[in-house]
């Protein structure tokens, strides 16, 4: 018997496109910041990783067991700051495309969230499918 829930999940309720998340400078030059929208079944946790002027957004859910990736607020990167790290299982994911490159879930993907920087502010983008296709 498996303890991992593989049942069908309801569709994600992304934040509205154009929702302001924060100032770019609120995220360390190489670091991350988490955000939560909604509550209950409409709850949507996400995070943004910044590498200088580049940002990537992902749903804050490990594809292995579904829990959050950070166990300390806004701590999404490994010690070397080269990969996203699941604090529960130690799985490492590429920052640029969310691909898991280590056990326990190699080949799994984080769910992308489109984000963009406009005039020094980070916003939710409008095309999450394009973010997924950029992998």
Protein backbone atom coordinates (compact mmCIF):
# COMPACT_ATOMS: atom_id res chain seq x y z
CA UNK A 1 0.00 0.00 0.00
CA UNK A 2 1.35 3.41 -0.98
CA UNK A 3 1.22 6.39 1.36
CA UNK A 4 1.45 8.81 -1.57
CA UNK A 5 -1.91 10.21 -2.69
CA UNK A 6 -2.14 9.69 -6.45
CA UNK A 7 -5.80 10.66 -6.70
CA UNK A 8 -6.92 13.24 -9.23
CA UNK A 9 -6.51 16.77 -7.89
CA UNK A 10 -8.86 19.66 -8.65
CA UNK A 11 -7.59 22.25 -11.13
CA UNK A 12 -5.37 24.92 -9.64
CA UNK A 13 -6.85 28.34 -8.91
CA UNK A 14 -4.06 30.65 -10.05
CA UNK A 15 -3.96 34.26 -8.82
CA UNK A 16 -5.37 36.79 -11.27
CA UNK A 17 -2.93 37.89 -13.99
CA UNK A 18 -1.48 41.28 -13.11
CA UNK A 19 -1.59 40.62 -9.36
CA UNK A 20 1.36 42.44 -7.81
CA UNK A 21 3.50 40.11 -5.72
CA UNK A 22 6.28 42.34 -4.44
CA UNK A 23 9.11 44.66 -5.36
CA UNK A 24 11.93 42.81 -7.14
CA UNK A 25 14.28 44.05 -4.41
CA UNK A 26 12.13 42.26 -1.78
CA UNK A 27 13.65 39.01 -3.08
CA UNK A 28 17.40 38.46 -2.54
CA UNK A 29 19.46 38.73 -5.76
CA UNK A 30 19.78 34.95 -5.64
CA UNK A 31 16.91 33.68 -3.52
CA UNK A 32 13.20 33.14 -3.23
CA UNK A 33 9.98 34.42 -1.72
CA UNK A 34 6.72 32.62 -1.04
CA UNK A 35 3.14 33.83 -1.44
CA UNK A 36 -0.26 32.35 -0.57
CA UNK A 37 -3.56 33.27 -2.18
CA UNK A 38 -7.03 32.17 -1.16
CA UNK A 39 -7.96 29.62 1.48
CA UNK A 40 -9.47 26.17 1.83
CA UNK A 41 -9.86 24.36 -1.47
CA UNK A 42 -9.02 27.60 -3.31
CA UNK A 43 -5.69 28.01 -1.47
CA UNK A 44 -2.82 28.58 -3.87
CA UNK A 45 0.73 28.66 -2.45
CA UNK A 46 3.43 29.77 -4.86
CA UNK A 47 6.97 31.07 -4.83
CA UNK A 48 9.26 33.15 -6.98
CA UNK A 49 12.96 32.46 -7.44
CA UNK A 50 15.14 35.38 -8.43
CA UNK A 51 18.54 35.16 -10.09
CA UNK A 52 19.60 38.79 -10.45
CA UNK A 53 17.08 40.26 -12.95
CA UNK A 54 15.49 36.92 -13.93
CA UNK A 55 12.48 35.50 -12.06
CA UNK A 56 10.71 32.13 -12.22
CA UNK A 57 7.47 31.23 -10.47
CA UNK A 58 6.25 27.83 -9.30
CA UNK A 59 3.36 26.33 -7.35
CA UNK A 60 4.72 25.58 -3.87
CA UNK A 61 4.01 21.86 -3.91
CA UNK A 62 6.41 18.95 -4.11
CA UNK A 63 5.38 16.61 -6.94
CA UNK A 64 6.43 13.65 -4.78
CA UNK A 65 3.97 13.93 -1.88
CA UNK A 66 2.28 17.29 -2.34
CA UNK A 67 3.68 19.19 0.64
CA UNK A 68 5.33 22.61 0.53
CA UNK A 69 8.94 22.80 -0.59
CA UNK A 70 10.06 25.19 2.14
CA UNK A 71 9.98 24.35 5.83
CA UNK A 72 11.51 27.72 6.70
CA UNK A 73 9.69 30.70 5.22
CA UNK A 74 11.17 31.83 1.87
CA UNK A 75 13.97 29.22 1.94
CA UNK A 76 13.57 27.46 -1.40
CA UNK A 77 17.17 27.03 -2.56
CA UNK A 78 19.88 24.58 -1.61
CA UNK A 79 22.97 25.74 0.28
CA UNK A 80 24.83 26.45 -2.97
CA UNK A 81 21.82 28.41 -4.31
CA UNK A 82 21.94 26.49 -7.57
CA UNK A 83 18.75 24.39 -7.25
CA UNK A 84 15.30 24.51 -5.69
CA UNK A 85 15.28 22.09 -2.76
CA UNK A 86 12.40 20.14 -1.23
CA UNK A 87 13.08 20.52 2.47
CA UNK A 88 11.11 17.35 3.27
CA UNK A 89 12.86 14.85 0.98
CA UNK A 90 15.94 16.64 -0.34
CA UNK A 91 14.84 16.47 -3.98
CA UNK A 92 16.58 19.06 -6.15
CA UNK A 93 14.89 20.86 -9.01
CA UNK A 94 16.37 23.00 -11.77
CA UNK A 95 15.54 26.66 -11.29
CA UNK A 96 15.01 27.35 -15.00
CA UNK A 97 12.41 24.64 -15.69
CA UNK A 98 11.43 22.93 -12.40
CA UNK A 99 12.74 19.51 -13.46
CA UNK A 100 13.64 17.20 -10.57
CA UNK A 101 17.18 15.90 -11.02
CA UNK A 102 17.54 13.75 -7.89
CA UNK A 103 15.67 11.15 -5.85
CA UNK A 104 13.04 10.60 -4.69
CA UNK A 105 11.25 11.89 -7.80
CA UNK A 106 13.72 12.32 -10.72
CA UNK A 107 12.00 13.51 -13.88
CA UNK A 108 9.04 15.03 -12.02
CA UNK A 109 8.25 18.68 -12.69
CA UNK A 110 7.21 21.58 -10.51
CA UNK A 111 4.10 23.37 -11.77
CA UNK A 112 5.13 26.72 -13.27
CA UNK A 113 3.40 30.00 -12.52
CA UNK A 114 3.92 32.79 -15.05
CA UNK A 115 5.58 35.82 -13.46
CA UNK A 116 7.04 38.99 -14.91
CA UNK A 117 8.94 42.07 -13.77
CA UNK A 118 7.57 45.47 -14.76
CA UNK A 119 9.12 48.70 -13.49
CA UNK A 120 10.93 46.88 -10.68
CA UNK A 121 7.83 45.03 -9.44
CA UNK A 122 7.02 41.32 -9.73
CA UNK A 123 3.56 40.44 -11.05
CA UNK A 124 1.65 37.25 -11.80
CA UNK A 125 1.81 36.80 -15.57
CA UNK A 126 -1.06 35.83 -17.80
CA UNK A 127 0.11 32.74 -19.66
CA UNK A 128 0.82 29.84 -17.31
CA UNK A 129 0.72 27.41 -20.23
CA UNK A 130 3.59 29.31 -21.90
CA UNK A 131 5.54 29.07 -18.65
CA UNK A 132 4.98 25.31 -18.71
CA UNK A 133 5.99 25.06 -22.36
CA UNK A 134 9.25 26.95 -21.73
CA UNK A 135 10.57 23.86 -19.97
